[in-house]
N, C-alpha and C. Protein backbone atom coordinates (compact mmCIF):
# COMPACT_ATOMS: atom_id res chain seq x y z
N MET A 1 14.83 -11.51 -7.32
CA MET A 1 13.95 -12.17 -8.28
C MET A 1 14.33 -13.63 -8.38
N THR A 2 13.35 -14.54 -8.34
CA THR A 2 13.57 -15.96 -8.52
C THR A 2 12.53 -16.49 -9.48
N GLU A 3 12.97 -17.19 -10.54
CA GLU A 3 12.08 -17.85 -11.47
C GLU A 3 12.34 -19.34 -11.36
N THR A 4 11.30 -20.14 -11.22
CA THR A 4 11.46 -21.58 -11.13
C THR A 4 10.57 -22.26 -12.16
N LEU A 5 11.17 -23.06 -13.02
CA LEU A 5 10.44 -23.88 -13.97
C LEU A 5 11.13 -25.22 -14.01
N SER A 6 10.35 -26.32 -14.00
CA SER A 6 10.93 -27.65 -14.04
C SER A 6 11.97 -27.77 -12.93
N GLU A 7 13.18 -28.28 -13.25
CA GLU A 7 14.17 -28.48 -12.21
C GLU A 7 15.21 -27.38 -12.17
N LEU A 8 15.12 -26.39 -13.05
CA LEU A 8 16.07 -25.30 -13.06
C LEU A 8 15.49 -24.07 -12.37
N THR A 9 16.35 -23.35 -11.67
CA THR A 9 15.95 -22.12 -10.99
C THR A 9 16.88 -21.00 -11.41
N CYS A 10 16.33 -19.83 -11.67
CA CYS A 10 17.13 -18.67 -12.06
C CYS A 10 16.98 -17.57 -11.01
N ARG A 11 18.14 -17.11 -10.52
CA ARG A 11 18.16 -16.02 -9.54
C ARG A 11 18.95 -14.86 -10.12
N ARG A 12 18.46 -13.66 -9.87
CA ARG A 12 19.11 -12.45 -10.37
C ARG A 12 19.78 -11.70 -9.23
N PHE A 13 21.04 -11.32 -9.44
CA PHE A 13 21.78 -10.53 -8.47
C PHE A 13 22.21 -9.22 -9.14
N PRO A 14 21.51 -8.11 -8.91
CA PRO A 14 21.98 -6.82 -9.46
C PRO A 14 23.23 -6.39 -8.70
N CYS A 15 24.31 -6.14 -9.44
CA CYS A 15 25.61 -5.92 -8.81
C CYS A 15 26.32 -4.70 -9.38
N GLY A 16 27.23 -4.16 -8.58
CA GLY A 16 28.13 -3.12 -9.05
C GLY A 16 27.49 -1.74 -9.11
N PRO A 17 28.29 -0.75 -9.53
CA PRO A 17 27.83 0.64 -9.49
C PRO A 17 26.69 0.96 -10.44
N ILE A 18 26.50 0.15 -11.49
CA ILE A 18 25.38 0.43 -12.39
C ILE A 18 24.38 -0.74 -12.41
N ARG A 19 24.38 -1.52 -11.32
CA ARG A 19 23.36 -2.56 -11.08
C ARG A 19 23.25 -3.50 -12.28
N THR A 20 24.37 -4.10 -12.63
CA THR A 20 24.39 -5.08 -13.71
C THR A 20 23.85 -6.40 -13.20
N ASN A 21 23.00 -7.03 -13.98
CA ASN A 21 22.41 -8.30 -13.56
C ASN A 21 23.40 -9.45 -13.77
N ALA A 22 23.67 -10.18 -12.70
CA ALA A 22 24.33 -11.48 -12.79
C ALA A 22 23.27 -12.52 -12.46
N TYR A 23 23.14 -13.52 -13.32
CA TYR A 23 22.11 -14.54 -13.14
C TYR A 23 22.75 -15.87 -12.75
N LEU A 24 22.20 -16.49 -11.74
CA LEU A 24 22.65 -17.81 -11.33
C LEU A 24 21.54 -18.82 -11.63
N VAL A 25 21.84 -19.74 -12.53
CA VAL A 25 20.91 -20.81 -12.87
C VAL A 25 21.41 -22.08 -12.18
N THR A 26 20.56 -22.71 -11.40
CA THR A 26 20.94 -23.93 -10.68
C THR A 26 19.94 -25.04 -10.99
N ASN A 27 20.44 -26.28 -10.85
CA ASN A 27 19.54 -27.42 -11.00
C ASN A 27 19.34 -28.12 -9.67
N SER A 28 18.53 -29.16 -9.69
CA SER A 28 18.17 -29.83 -8.45
C SER A 28 19.30 -30.69 -7.89
N LYS A 29 20.39 -30.82 -8.66
CA LYS A 29 21.52 -31.63 -8.22
C LYS A 29 22.65 -30.79 -7.64
N GLY A 30 22.38 -29.51 -7.40
CA GLY A 30 23.38 -28.66 -6.78
C GLY A 30 24.47 -28.17 -7.72
N ARG A 31 24.16 -28.08 -9.00
CA ARG A 31 25.09 -27.55 -9.99
C ARG A 31 24.58 -26.18 -10.44
N GLY A 32 25.50 -25.30 -10.83
CA GLY A 32 25.10 -23.96 -11.22
C GLY A 32 25.87 -23.43 -12.41
N VAL A 33 25.29 -22.43 -13.06
CA VAL A 33 25.93 -21.67 -14.13
C VAL A 33 25.64 -20.20 -13.85
N LEU A 34 26.67 -19.36 -13.94
CA LEU A 34 26.51 -17.92 -13.76
C LEU A 34 26.57 -17.24 -15.12
N ILE A 35 25.59 -16.38 -15.39
CA ILE A 35 25.61 -15.58 -16.60
C ILE A 35 26.00 -14.17 -16.22
N ASP A 36 27.18 -13.76 -16.66
CA ASP A 36 27.82 -12.47 -16.44
C ASP A 36 28.36 -12.33 -15.01
N ALA A 37 29.63 -11.89 -14.98
CA ALA A 37 30.36 -11.77 -13.72
C ALA A 37 30.55 -10.30 -13.40
N ALA A 38 29.46 -9.65 -13.10
CA ALA A 38 29.47 -8.23 -12.77
C ALA A 38 30.31 -7.98 -11.52
N PRO A 39 30.91 -6.77 -11.38
CA PRO A 39 31.64 -6.48 -10.15
C PRO A 39 30.73 -6.62 -8.94
N GLY A 40 31.18 -7.41 -7.99
CA GLY A 40 30.36 -7.72 -6.82
C GLY A 40 29.66 -9.06 -6.90
N SER A 41 29.64 -9.69 -8.09
CA SER A 41 28.91 -10.94 -8.24
C SER A 41 29.59 -12.09 -7.51
N PHE A 42 30.92 -12.05 -7.39
CA PHE A 42 31.62 -13.13 -6.68
C PHE A 42 31.20 -13.14 -5.21
N ASP A 43 31.15 -11.96 -4.59
CA ASP A 43 30.74 -11.89 -3.19
C ASP A 43 29.26 -12.24 -3.04
N ALA A 44 28.43 -11.80 -3.98
CA ALA A 44 27.00 -12.13 -3.91
C ALA A 44 26.80 -13.64 -4.03
N TYR A 45 27.55 -14.25 -4.94
CA TYR A 45 27.45 -15.71 -5.09
C TYR A 45 27.95 -16.42 -3.84
N ALA A 46 29.04 -15.94 -3.25
CA ALA A 46 29.59 -16.57 -2.05
C ALA A 46 28.58 -16.52 -0.90
N ARG A 47 27.92 -15.36 -0.74
CA ARG A 47 26.92 -15.24 0.33
C ARG A 47 25.77 -16.22 0.09
N PHE A 48 25.31 -16.28 -1.14
CA PHE A 48 24.19 -17.18 -1.45
C PHE A 48 24.57 -18.64 -1.26
N SER A 49 25.77 -19.02 -1.71
CA SER A 49 26.15 -20.43 -1.70
C SER A 49 26.46 -20.95 -0.30
N ARG A 50 26.70 -20.03 0.65
CA ARG A 50 26.93 -20.49 2.02
C ARG A 50 25.71 -21.22 2.57
N SER A 51 24.53 -20.74 2.22
CA SER A 51 23.31 -21.40 2.69
C SER A 51 22.64 -22.24 1.61
N ASN A 52 23.17 -22.16 0.37
CA ASN A 52 22.63 -22.94 -0.74
C ASN A 52 23.80 -23.53 -1.51
N PRO A 53 24.48 -24.53 -0.95
CA PRO A 53 25.69 -25.05 -1.58
C PRO A 53 25.43 -25.54 -3.01
N ASN A 54 26.31 -25.15 -3.90
CA ASN A 54 26.23 -25.62 -5.28
C ASN A 54 27.62 -25.53 -5.89
N CYS A 55 27.80 -26.19 -6.99
CA CYS A 55 29.09 -26.20 -7.68
C CYS A 55 28.91 -25.57 -9.06
N LEU A 56 29.62 -24.48 -9.31
CA LEU A 56 29.50 -23.80 -10.59
C LEU A 56 30.18 -24.59 -11.70
N GLU A 57 29.47 -24.80 -12.79
CA GLU A 57 30.04 -25.45 -13.96
C GLU A 57 30.69 -24.46 -14.91
N ALA A 58 30.20 -23.21 -14.92
CA ALA A 58 30.70 -22.26 -15.91
C ALA A 58 30.26 -20.85 -15.56
N VAL A 59 31.04 -19.88 -16.05
CA VAL A 59 30.63 -18.48 -16.10
C VAL A 59 30.49 -18.13 -17.58
N LEU A 60 29.28 -17.75 -17.98
CA LEU A 60 29.00 -17.40 -19.37
C LEU A 60 28.90 -15.88 -19.48
N LEU A 61 29.80 -15.28 -20.26
CA LEU A 61 29.78 -13.83 -20.45
C LEU A 61 28.99 -13.49 -21.70
N THR A 62 28.10 -12.50 -21.58
CA THR A 62 27.33 -12.09 -22.76
C THR A 62 28.13 -11.16 -23.67
N HIS A 63 29.08 -10.40 -23.08
CA HIS A 63 29.92 -9.53 -23.91
C HIS A 63 31.07 -8.99 -23.07
N GLY A 64 31.93 -8.19 -23.69
CA GLY A 64 33.17 -7.80 -23.07
C GLY A 64 33.22 -6.45 -22.41
N HIS A 65 32.11 -5.88 -22.00
CA HIS A 65 32.12 -4.62 -21.27
C HIS A 65 32.44 -4.88 -19.79
N TRP A 66 33.14 -3.93 -19.18
CA TRP A 66 33.68 -4.10 -17.83
C TRP A 66 32.63 -4.53 -16.81
N ASP A 67 31.42 -3.97 -16.92
CA ASP A 67 30.43 -4.24 -15.89
C ASP A 67 29.86 -5.65 -15.98
N HIS A 68 30.27 -6.41 -16.98
CA HIS A 68 29.80 -7.78 -17.13
C HIS A 68 30.89 -8.82 -16.89
N PHE A 69 32.17 -8.40 -16.75
CA PHE A 69 33.20 -9.42 -16.62
C PHE A 69 34.24 -9.17 -15.53
N LEU A 70 34.21 -8.04 -14.81
CA LEU A 70 35.31 -7.73 -13.91
C LEU A 70 35.52 -8.78 -12.81
N ASP A 71 34.50 -9.49 -12.41
CA ASP A 71 34.68 -10.53 -11.38
C ASP A 71 35.01 -11.90 -11.98
N ALA A 72 35.08 -12.00 -13.29
CA ALA A 72 35.37 -13.30 -13.91
C ALA A 72 36.68 -13.91 -13.42
N PRO A 73 37.78 -13.13 -13.28
CA PRO A 73 39.02 -13.75 -12.79
C PRO A 73 38.88 -14.37 -11.40
N ARG A 74 38.04 -13.83 -10.56
CA ARG A 74 37.87 -14.40 -9.22
C ARG A 74 37.21 -15.78 -9.30
N PHE A 75 36.22 -15.92 -10.17
CA PHE A 75 35.62 -17.23 -10.37
C PHE A 75 36.63 -18.19 -11.01
N GLN A 76 37.37 -17.68 -11.99
CA GLN A 76 38.33 -18.51 -12.69
C GLN A 76 39.42 -19.03 -11.75
N SER A 77 39.86 -18.18 -10.84
CA SER A 77 40.90 -18.60 -9.89
C SER A 77 40.40 -19.66 -8.92
N ASN A 78 39.08 -19.84 -8.87
CA ASN A 78 38.49 -20.90 -8.05
C ASN A 78 38.07 -22.10 -8.90
N GLY A 79 38.62 -22.18 -10.10
CA GLY A 79 38.43 -23.36 -10.93
C GLY A 79 37.20 -23.36 -11.81
N VAL A 80 36.53 -22.22 -11.96
CA VAL A 80 35.33 -22.15 -12.79
C VAL A 80 35.73 -21.65 -14.18
N PRO A 81 35.46 -22.41 -15.24
CA PRO A 81 35.83 -21.95 -16.59
C PRO A 81 34.96 -20.79 -17.04
N VAL A 82 35.61 -19.86 -17.76
CA VAL A 82 34.94 -18.67 -18.26
C VAL A 82 34.75 -18.79 -19.78
N TYR A 83 33.53 -18.54 -20.24
CA TYR A 83 33.18 -18.61 -21.65
C TYR A 83 32.91 -17.19 -22.15
N VAL A 84 33.36 -16.88 -23.36
CA VAL A 84 33.09 -15.58 -23.97
C VAL A 84 33.13 -15.76 -25.48
N SER A 85 32.63 -14.79 -26.21
CA SER A 85 32.67 -14.88 -27.67
C SER A 85 34.10 -14.72 -28.18
N THR A 86 34.36 -15.31 -29.32
CA THR A 86 35.67 -15.16 -29.96
C THR A 86 35.99 -13.69 -30.18
N PHE A 87 35.00 -12.90 -30.60
CA PHE A 87 35.25 -11.51 -30.95
C PHE A 87 35.52 -10.62 -29.73
N ASP A 88 34.87 -10.91 -28.61
CA ASP A 88 35.05 -10.07 -27.42
C ASP A 88 36.14 -10.60 -26.50
N GLY A 89 36.77 -11.71 -26.86
CA GLY A 89 37.79 -12.28 -26.01
C GLY A 89 38.93 -11.33 -25.72
N ALA A 90 39.33 -10.54 -26.73
CA ALA A 90 40.44 -9.60 -26.54
C ALA A 90 40.06 -8.49 -25.57
N TRP A 91 38.80 -8.15 -25.48
CA TRP A 91 38.36 -7.07 -24.60
C TRP A 91 38.56 -7.44 -23.14
N ILE A 92 38.33 -8.69 -22.79
CA ILE A 92 38.48 -9.07 -21.39
C ILE A 92 39.93 -9.44 -21.07
N GLN A 93 40.71 -9.74 -22.09
CA GLN A 93 42.10 -10.13 -21.87
C GLN A 93 43.05 -8.94 -21.87
N GLN A 94 42.68 -7.88 -22.59
CA GLN A 94 43.52 -6.69 -22.70
C GLN A 94 42.68 -5.49 -22.28
N LEU A 95 42.83 -5.09 -21.02
CA LEU A 95 41.92 -4.11 -20.45
C LEU A 95 42.05 -2.73 -21.08
N GLU A 96 43.10 -2.50 -21.86
CA GLU A 96 43.18 -1.19 -22.52
C GLU A 96 42.01 -0.96 -23.48
N TYR A 97 41.34 -2.05 -23.90
CA TYR A 97 40.18 -1.90 -24.75
C TYR A 97 39.05 -1.17 -24.03
N VAL A 98 38.98 -1.36 -22.71
CA VAL A 98 37.85 -0.80 -21.96
C VAL A 98 38.29 0.08 -20.80
N ARG A 99 39.60 0.29 -20.63
CA ARG A 99 40.11 0.98 -19.44
C ARG A 99 39.46 2.34 -19.23
N ASP A 100 39.24 3.08 -20.31
CA ASP A 100 38.69 4.44 -20.16
C ASP A 100 37.27 4.44 -19.60
N PHE A 101 36.61 3.28 -19.61
CA PHE A 101 35.22 3.24 -19.19
C PHE A 101 35.03 2.60 -17.82
N VAL A 102 36.13 2.10 -17.22
CA VAL A 102 36.03 1.48 -15.90
C VAL A 102 36.11 2.55 -14.82
N PRO A 103 35.15 2.61 -13.89
CA PRO A 103 35.21 3.60 -12.82
C PRO A 103 36.52 3.51 -12.04
N ASP A 104 37.02 4.65 -11.60
CA ASP A 104 38.31 4.71 -10.93
C ASP A 104 38.37 3.84 -9.68
N GLU A 105 37.23 3.68 -9.00
CA GLU A 105 37.25 2.95 -7.73
C GLU A 105 37.30 1.43 -7.92
N LEU A 106 37.20 0.95 -9.16
CA LEU A 106 37.21 -0.48 -9.41
C LEU A 106 38.55 -0.90 -10.01
N ASP A 107 39.04 -2.03 -9.54
CA ASP A 107 40.25 -2.62 -10.11
C ASP A 107 39.86 -3.66 -11.15
N GLY A 108 40.60 -3.68 -12.24
CA GLY A 108 40.33 -4.66 -13.29
C GLY A 108 41.52 -5.58 -13.48
N THR A 109 41.24 -6.87 -13.55
CA THR A 109 42.27 -7.87 -13.81
C THR A 109 41.97 -8.53 -15.14
N PRO A 110 42.95 -8.60 -16.04
CA PRO A 110 42.69 -9.27 -17.33
C PRO A 110 42.27 -10.72 -17.12
N CYS A 111 41.47 -11.21 -18.05
CA CYS A 111 40.96 -12.57 -17.96
C CYS A 111 41.06 -13.24 -19.32
N ALA A 112 41.89 -14.24 -19.43
CA ALA A 112 41.94 -15.05 -20.65
C ALA A 112 40.89 -16.14 -20.53
N ALA A 113 39.87 -16.09 -21.38
CA ALA A 113 38.78 -17.04 -21.28
C ALA A 113 39.27 -18.47 -21.51
N ASP A 114 38.54 -19.41 -20.95
CA ASP A 114 38.87 -20.82 -21.14
C ASP A 114 38.26 -21.38 -22.41
N ILE A 115 37.09 -20.88 -22.77
CA ILE A 115 36.37 -21.40 -23.94
C ILE A 115 35.80 -20.21 -24.72
N TYR A 116 36.01 -20.23 -26.04
CA TYR A 116 35.52 -19.17 -26.92
C TYR A 116 34.34 -19.69 -27.74
N LEU A 117 33.33 -18.85 -27.87
CA LEU A 117 32.07 -19.25 -28.47
C LEU A 117 31.74 -18.42 -29.70
N ASN A 118 30.90 -18.99 -30.56
CA ASN A 118 30.40 -18.30 -31.74
C ASN A 118 28.92 -18.62 -31.92
N HIS A 119 28.26 -17.79 -32.70
CA HIS A 119 26.85 -18.02 -33.00
C HIS A 119 26.64 -19.43 -33.54
N GLY A 120 25.62 -20.10 -33.00
CA GLY A 120 25.29 -21.44 -33.45
C GLY A 120 25.87 -22.55 -32.61
N ASP A 121 26.78 -22.20 -31.69
CA ASP A 121 27.33 -23.23 -30.80
C ASP A 121 26.24 -23.74 -29.85
N SER A 122 26.46 -24.94 -29.34
CA SER A 122 25.56 -25.53 -28.37
C SER A 122 26.36 -25.98 -27.16
N LEU A 123 25.82 -25.75 -25.97
CA LEU A 123 26.49 -26.11 -24.73
C LEU A 123 25.64 -27.09 -23.95
N ASP A 124 26.28 -28.07 -23.34
CA ASP A 124 25.60 -29.01 -22.47
C ASP A 124 26.00 -28.68 -21.03
N LEU A 125 25.13 -27.97 -20.33
CA LEU A 125 25.40 -27.52 -18.97
C LEU A 125 24.17 -27.78 -18.11
N LEU A 126 24.39 -28.22 -16.90
CA LEU A 126 23.31 -28.51 -15.94
C LEU A 126 22.36 -29.57 -16.47
N GLY A 127 22.82 -30.41 -17.38
CA GLY A 127 21.96 -31.42 -17.95
C GLY A 127 20.99 -30.89 -18.97
N ALA A 128 21.21 -29.67 -19.46
CA ALA A 128 20.34 -29.05 -20.45
C ALA A 128 21.16 -28.54 -21.62
N GLN A 129 20.51 -28.40 -22.77
CA GLN A 129 21.17 -27.84 -23.94
C GLN A 129 20.93 -26.33 -24.00
N TRP A 130 22.02 -25.59 -24.13
CA TRP A 130 21.99 -24.15 -24.26
C TRP A 130 22.39 -23.77 -25.69
N GLN A 131 21.64 -22.91 -26.32
CA GLN A 131 21.98 -22.44 -27.66
C GLN A 131 22.65 -21.08 -27.55
N VAL A 132 23.75 -20.91 -28.28
CA VAL A 132 24.49 -19.66 -28.30
C VAL A 132 24.03 -18.85 -29.50
N LEU A 133 23.53 -17.65 -29.25
CA LEU A 133 23.03 -16.77 -30.31
C LEU A 133 23.93 -15.54 -30.40
N GLY A 134 24.51 -15.32 -31.57
CA GLY A 134 25.31 -14.12 -31.77
C GLY A 134 24.43 -12.88 -31.86
N LEU A 135 24.78 -11.85 -31.09
CA LEU A 135 24.03 -10.59 -31.10
C LEU A 135 25.03 -9.44 -31.12
N SER A 136 25.76 -9.32 -32.20
CA SER A 136 26.71 -8.22 -32.31
C SER A 136 25.96 -6.91 -32.55
N GLY A 137 26.62 -5.81 -32.22
CA GLY A 137 26.02 -4.49 -32.38
C GLY A 137 26.22 -3.63 -31.16
N HIS A 138 25.96 -4.18 -29.98
CA HIS A 138 26.32 -3.48 -28.76
C HIS A 138 27.84 -3.57 -28.57
N THR A 139 28.36 -4.75 -28.78
CA THR A 139 29.80 -4.98 -28.94
C THR A 139 29.96 -5.88 -30.16
N PRO A 140 31.17 -6.01 -30.69
CA PRO A 140 31.34 -6.86 -31.88
C PRO A 140 31.01 -8.33 -31.64
N GLY A 141 31.12 -8.80 -30.40
CA GLY A 141 30.90 -10.21 -30.13
C GLY A 141 29.86 -10.48 -29.07
N GLY A 142 28.80 -9.71 -29.04
CA GLY A 142 27.74 -9.96 -28.06
C GLY A 142 27.09 -11.31 -28.28
N LEU A 143 26.70 -11.95 -27.19
CA LEU A 143 26.03 -13.25 -27.25
C LEU A 143 24.77 -13.24 -26.39
N ALA A 144 23.83 -14.08 -26.77
CA ALA A 144 22.70 -14.43 -25.91
C ALA A 144 22.76 -15.93 -25.68
N TYR A 145 22.23 -16.36 -24.55
CA TYR A 145 22.20 -17.79 -24.21
C TYR A 145 20.74 -18.20 -24.04
N TYR A 146 20.33 -19.16 -24.88
CA TYR A 146 18.93 -19.56 -24.94
C TYR A 146 18.77 -20.99 -24.44
N LEU A 147 17.85 -21.16 -23.50
CA LEU A 147 17.51 -22.48 -22.96
C LEU A 147 16.12 -22.86 -23.49
N PRO A 148 16.06 -23.63 -24.58
CA PRO A 148 14.76 -23.94 -25.19
C PRO A 148 13.80 -24.66 -24.25
N THR A 149 14.32 -25.59 -23.43
CA THR A 149 13.43 -26.36 -22.57
C THR A 149 12.77 -25.50 -21.50
N MET A 150 13.40 -24.38 -21.17
CA MET A 150 12.87 -23.49 -20.14
C MET A 150 12.18 -22.27 -20.73
N HIS A 151 12.37 -22.05 -22.03
CA HIS A 151 11.91 -20.81 -22.66
C HIS A 151 12.51 -19.59 -21.96
N TRP A 152 13.83 -19.63 -21.76
CA TRP A 152 14.59 -18.54 -21.18
C TRP A 152 15.66 -18.09 -22.16
N VAL A 153 15.88 -16.79 -22.26
CA VAL A 153 17.00 -16.27 -23.05
C VAL A 153 17.66 -15.13 -22.26
N PHE A 154 18.97 -15.22 -22.14
CA PHE A 154 19.77 -14.22 -21.42
C PHE A 154 20.43 -13.34 -22.48
N THR A 155 20.00 -12.08 -22.54
CA THR A 155 20.32 -11.23 -23.69
C THR A 155 21.42 -10.21 -23.45
N GLY A 156 22.01 -10.18 -22.25
CA GLY A 156 23.04 -9.19 -21.99
C GLY A 156 22.52 -7.78 -22.23
N ASP A 157 23.30 -6.97 -22.93
CA ASP A 157 22.90 -5.59 -23.19
C ASP A 157 22.39 -5.40 -24.61
N SER A 158 21.87 -6.46 -25.21
CA SER A 158 21.33 -6.36 -26.57
C SER A 158 19.84 -6.02 -26.57
N LEU A 159 19.07 -6.71 -25.75
CA LEU A 159 17.63 -6.46 -25.67
C LEU A 159 17.23 -6.32 -24.21
N PHE A 160 16.52 -5.22 -23.92
CA PHE A 160 16.00 -4.94 -22.58
C PHE A 160 14.47 -4.87 -22.63
N ALA A 161 13.86 -4.78 -21.47
CA ALA A 161 12.43 -4.52 -21.40
C ALA A 161 12.18 -3.10 -21.89
N GLY A 162 11.60 -2.98 -23.05
CA GLY A 162 11.21 -1.68 -23.58
C GLY A 162 12.25 -0.96 -24.41
N THR A 163 13.43 -1.52 -24.58
CA THR A 163 14.45 -0.84 -25.38
C THR A 163 15.48 -1.86 -25.87
N ILE A 164 16.52 -1.35 -26.55
CA ILE A 164 17.62 -2.20 -26.99
C ILE A 164 18.93 -1.57 -26.51
N GLY A 165 20.03 -2.29 -26.73
CA GLY A 165 21.32 -1.82 -26.25
C GLY A 165 21.82 -0.58 -26.98
N ARG A 166 22.61 0.21 -26.27
CA ARG A 166 23.22 1.39 -26.89
C ARG A 166 24.31 0.95 -27.86
N THR A 167 24.52 1.75 -28.89
CA THR A 167 25.50 1.40 -29.91
C THR A 167 26.48 2.56 -30.18
N ASP A 168 26.55 3.50 -29.24
CA ASP A 168 27.43 4.66 -29.43
C ASP A 168 28.79 4.47 -28.77
N LEU A 169 29.06 3.30 -28.19
CA LEU A 169 30.36 3.00 -27.61
C LEU A 169 31.26 2.35 -28.66
N PRO A 170 32.57 2.30 -28.44
CA PRO A 170 33.47 1.68 -29.42
C PRO A 170 33.02 0.27 -29.78
N GLY A 171 33.01 -0.01 -31.07
CA GLY A 171 32.59 -1.32 -31.55
C GLY A 171 31.10 -1.47 -31.76
N GLY A 172 30.32 -0.42 -31.45
CA GLY A 172 28.88 -0.49 -31.61
C GLY A 172 28.44 -0.34 -33.06
N ASN A 173 27.32 -0.95 -33.40
CA ASN A 173 26.78 -0.88 -34.75
C ASN A 173 25.27 -1.06 -34.66
N HIS A 174 24.53 0.03 -34.76
CA HIS A 174 23.08 -0.02 -34.58
C HIS A 174 22.40 -0.91 -35.60
N ALA A 175 22.75 -0.76 -36.86
CA ALA A 175 22.10 -1.55 -37.91
C ALA A 175 22.32 -3.04 -37.69
N GLN A 176 23.53 -3.41 -37.27
CA GLN A 176 23.82 -4.82 -37.04
C GLN A 176 23.04 -5.35 -35.85
N LEU A 177 22.94 -4.57 -34.79
CA LEU A 177 22.20 -5.01 -33.62
C LEU A 177 20.73 -5.23 -33.97
N VAL A 178 20.13 -4.29 -34.67
CA VAL A 178 18.72 -4.41 -35.07
C VAL A 178 18.52 -5.65 -35.94
N LYS A 179 19.43 -5.86 -36.88
CA LYS A 179 19.33 -7.01 -37.78
C LYS A 179 19.38 -8.32 -37.01
N GLU A 180 20.28 -8.44 -36.05
CA GLU A 180 20.43 -9.72 -35.36
C GLU A 180 19.34 -9.93 -34.32
N ILE A 181 18.82 -8.87 -33.73
CA ILE A 181 17.64 -9.01 -32.88
C ILE A 181 16.48 -9.56 -33.70
N ARG A 182 16.28 -8.98 -34.88
CA ARG A 182 15.18 -9.40 -35.75
C ARG A 182 15.34 -10.86 -36.18
N GLU A 183 16.55 -11.26 -36.53
CA GLU A 183 16.77 -12.59 -37.09
C GLU A 183 16.92 -13.68 -36.03
N ARG A 184 17.40 -13.32 -34.82
CA ARG A 184 17.79 -14.35 -33.87
C ARG A 184 16.99 -14.36 -32.57
N LEU A 185 16.35 -13.24 -32.25
CA LEU A 185 15.53 -13.21 -31.04
C LEU A 185 14.03 -13.23 -31.33
N LEU A 186 13.60 -12.45 -32.30
CA LEU A 186 12.16 -12.37 -32.56
C LEU A 186 11.54 -13.69 -32.97
N PRO A 187 12.28 -14.61 -33.63
CA PRO A 187 11.65 -15.90 -33.96
C PRO A 187 11.46 -16.83 -32.76
N LEU A 188 12.01 -16.50 -31.60
CA LEU A 188 11.81 -17.35 -30.43
C LEU A 188 10.34 -17.34 -30.02
N PRO A 189 9.86 -18.39 -29.35
CA PRO A 189 8.45 -18.42 -28.93
C PRO A 189 8.10 -17.18 -28.11
N PRO A 190 6.91 -16.64 -28.30
CA PRO A 190 6.53 -15.40 -27.61
C PRO A 190 6.56 -15.51 -26.10
N GLU A 191 6.41 -16.71 -25.56
CA GLU A 191 6.42 -16.88 -24.11
C GLU A 191 7.83 -16.92 -23.54
N THR A 192 8.84 -16.85 -24.38
CA THR A 192 10.22 -16.91 -23.92
C THR A 192 10.52 -15.76 -22.98
N GLN A 193 11.02 -16.09 -21.78
CA GLN A 193 11.41 -15.08 -20.80
C GLN A 193 12.74 -14.43 -21.23
N VAL A 194 12.76 -13.12 -21.25
CA VAL A 194 13.95 -12.35 -21.60
C VAL A 194 14.59 -11.84 -20.31
N PHE A 195 15.83 -12.27 -20.06
CA PHE A 195 16.57 -11.84 -18.89
C PHE A 195 17.72 -10.94 -19.36
N PRO A 196 17.57 -9.62 -19.24
CA PRO A 196 18.55 -8.68 -19.78
C PRO A 196 19.68 -8.37 -18.80
N GLY A 197 20.69 -7.67 -19.30
CA GLY A 197 21.85 -7.33 -18.50
C GLY A 197 21.59 -6.25 -17.46
N HIS A 198 20.51 -5.52 -17.60
CA HIS A 198 20.13 -4.49 -16.62
C HIS A 198 18.60 -4.46 -16.57
N GLY A 199 18.08 -4.16 -15.40
CA GLY A 199 16.64 -3.98 -15.28
C GLY A 199 15.87 -5.28 -15.15
N VAL A 200 14.56 -5.18 -15.38
CA VAL A 200 13.65 -6.28 -15.12
C VAL A 200 13.50 -7.18 -16.34
N SER A 201 12.94 -8.36 -16.10
CA SER A 201 12.72 -9.32 -17.17
C SER A 201 11.49 -8.95 -17.98
N SER A 202 11.38 -9.62 -19.12
CA SER A 202 10.24 -9.41 -20.01
C SER A 202 9.98 -10.71 -20.74
N THR A 203 9.24 -10.65 -21.83
CA THR A 203 9.06 -11.80 -22.72
C THR A 203 9.25 -11.33 -24.15
N ILE A 204 9.55 -12.27 -25.01
CA ILE A 204 9.66 -11.94 -26.43
C ILE A 204 8.33 -11.38 -26.94
N GLY A 205 7.23 -12.01 -26.57
CA GLY A 205 5.92 -11.53 -27.02
C GLY A 205 5.63 -10.11 -26.57
N ARG A 206 5.95 -9.79 -25.33
CA ARG A 206 5.73 -8.45 -24.82
C ARG A 206 6.58 -7.42 -25.56
N GLU A 207 7.83 -7.80 -25.84
CA GLU A 207 8.70 -6.85 -26.55
C GLU A 207 8.25 -6.65 -27.98
N VAL A 208 7.77 -7.68 -28.64
CA VAL A 208 7.25 -7.53 -30.00
C VAL A 208 6.07 -6.57 -30.01
N GLU A 209 5.24 -6.64 -28.99
CA GLU A 209 4.03 -5.82 -28.94
C GLU A 209 4.28 -4.40 -28.45
N GLU A 210 5.26 -4.22 -27.52
CA GLU A 210 5.36 -2.95 -26.81
C GLU A 210 6.68 -2.20 -27.00
N ASN A 211 7.73 -2.89 -27.40
CA ASN A 211 9.04 -2.24 -27.51
C ASN A 211 9.11 -1.43 -28.80
N PRO A 212 9.25 -0.10 -28.73
CA PRO A 212 9.23 0.71 -29.95
C PRO A 212 10.39 0.39 -30.89
N PHE A 213 11.52 -0.03 -30.37
CA PHE A 213 12.64 -0.38 -31.22
C PHE A 213 12.38 -1.69 -31.96
N ILE A 214 11.71 -2.63 -31.27
CA ILE A 214 11.36 -3.90 -31.91
C ILE A 214 10.32 -3.65 -32.98
N GLN A 215 9.33 -2.82 -32.68
CA GLN A 215 8.28 -2.54 -33.66
C GLN A 215 8.87 -1.87 -34.90
N ALA A 216 9.87 -1.03 -34.71
CA ALA A 216 10.50 -0.34 -35.84
C ALA A 216 11.28 -1.28 -36.73
N CYS A 217 11.77 -2.40 -36.16
CA CYS A 217 12.60 -3.29 -36.97
C CYS A 217 11.88 -4.56 -37.36
N SER A 218 10.60 -4.70 -36.97
CA SER A 218 9.85 -5.92 -37.30
C SER A 218 9.42 -5.93 -38.76
């Protein structure tokens, strides 16, 4: 999948045993940002960058579940700073938080993030302003990354096409997730493209109209 608007381009790489989406956003100057470092994303990025050279400015993690951060140390060891929420920082740094959920065939390396984020923060990356939206409920420190100029929002495992994130794992809170989706995602323009942690993209308008979980909390 490739989405192109203005000078930014978004590419999706489904990676790992449960096809977690890693998104690469690049600009026309050969700079890039990766959203979520799913297992296999480092190799997918390496293959892509061989024929499309670019320099990564950051790896932005939406939350601290294994399928979204296991390749983060590989990017970090190559000089790319890793961003994560303050609340989920311990999950990626101390793997005992998630060890029981990592498939046996995958190795996990702890990752101490370089920069910790909270709801309301703003990032200047690729020459654009990114808004950090807190979306706790799937994990205590879930984040979304919103690019107003592009009408793009990367929602991790909080909002999907046709559903919302599961809340039956440790640290989950259904009521909190519903509340923050209602307060922080639904007010975005209806044309905003939703890029979730798994599956296909959607729009805020489509989810308001068709997502039964959104309709229940509207």
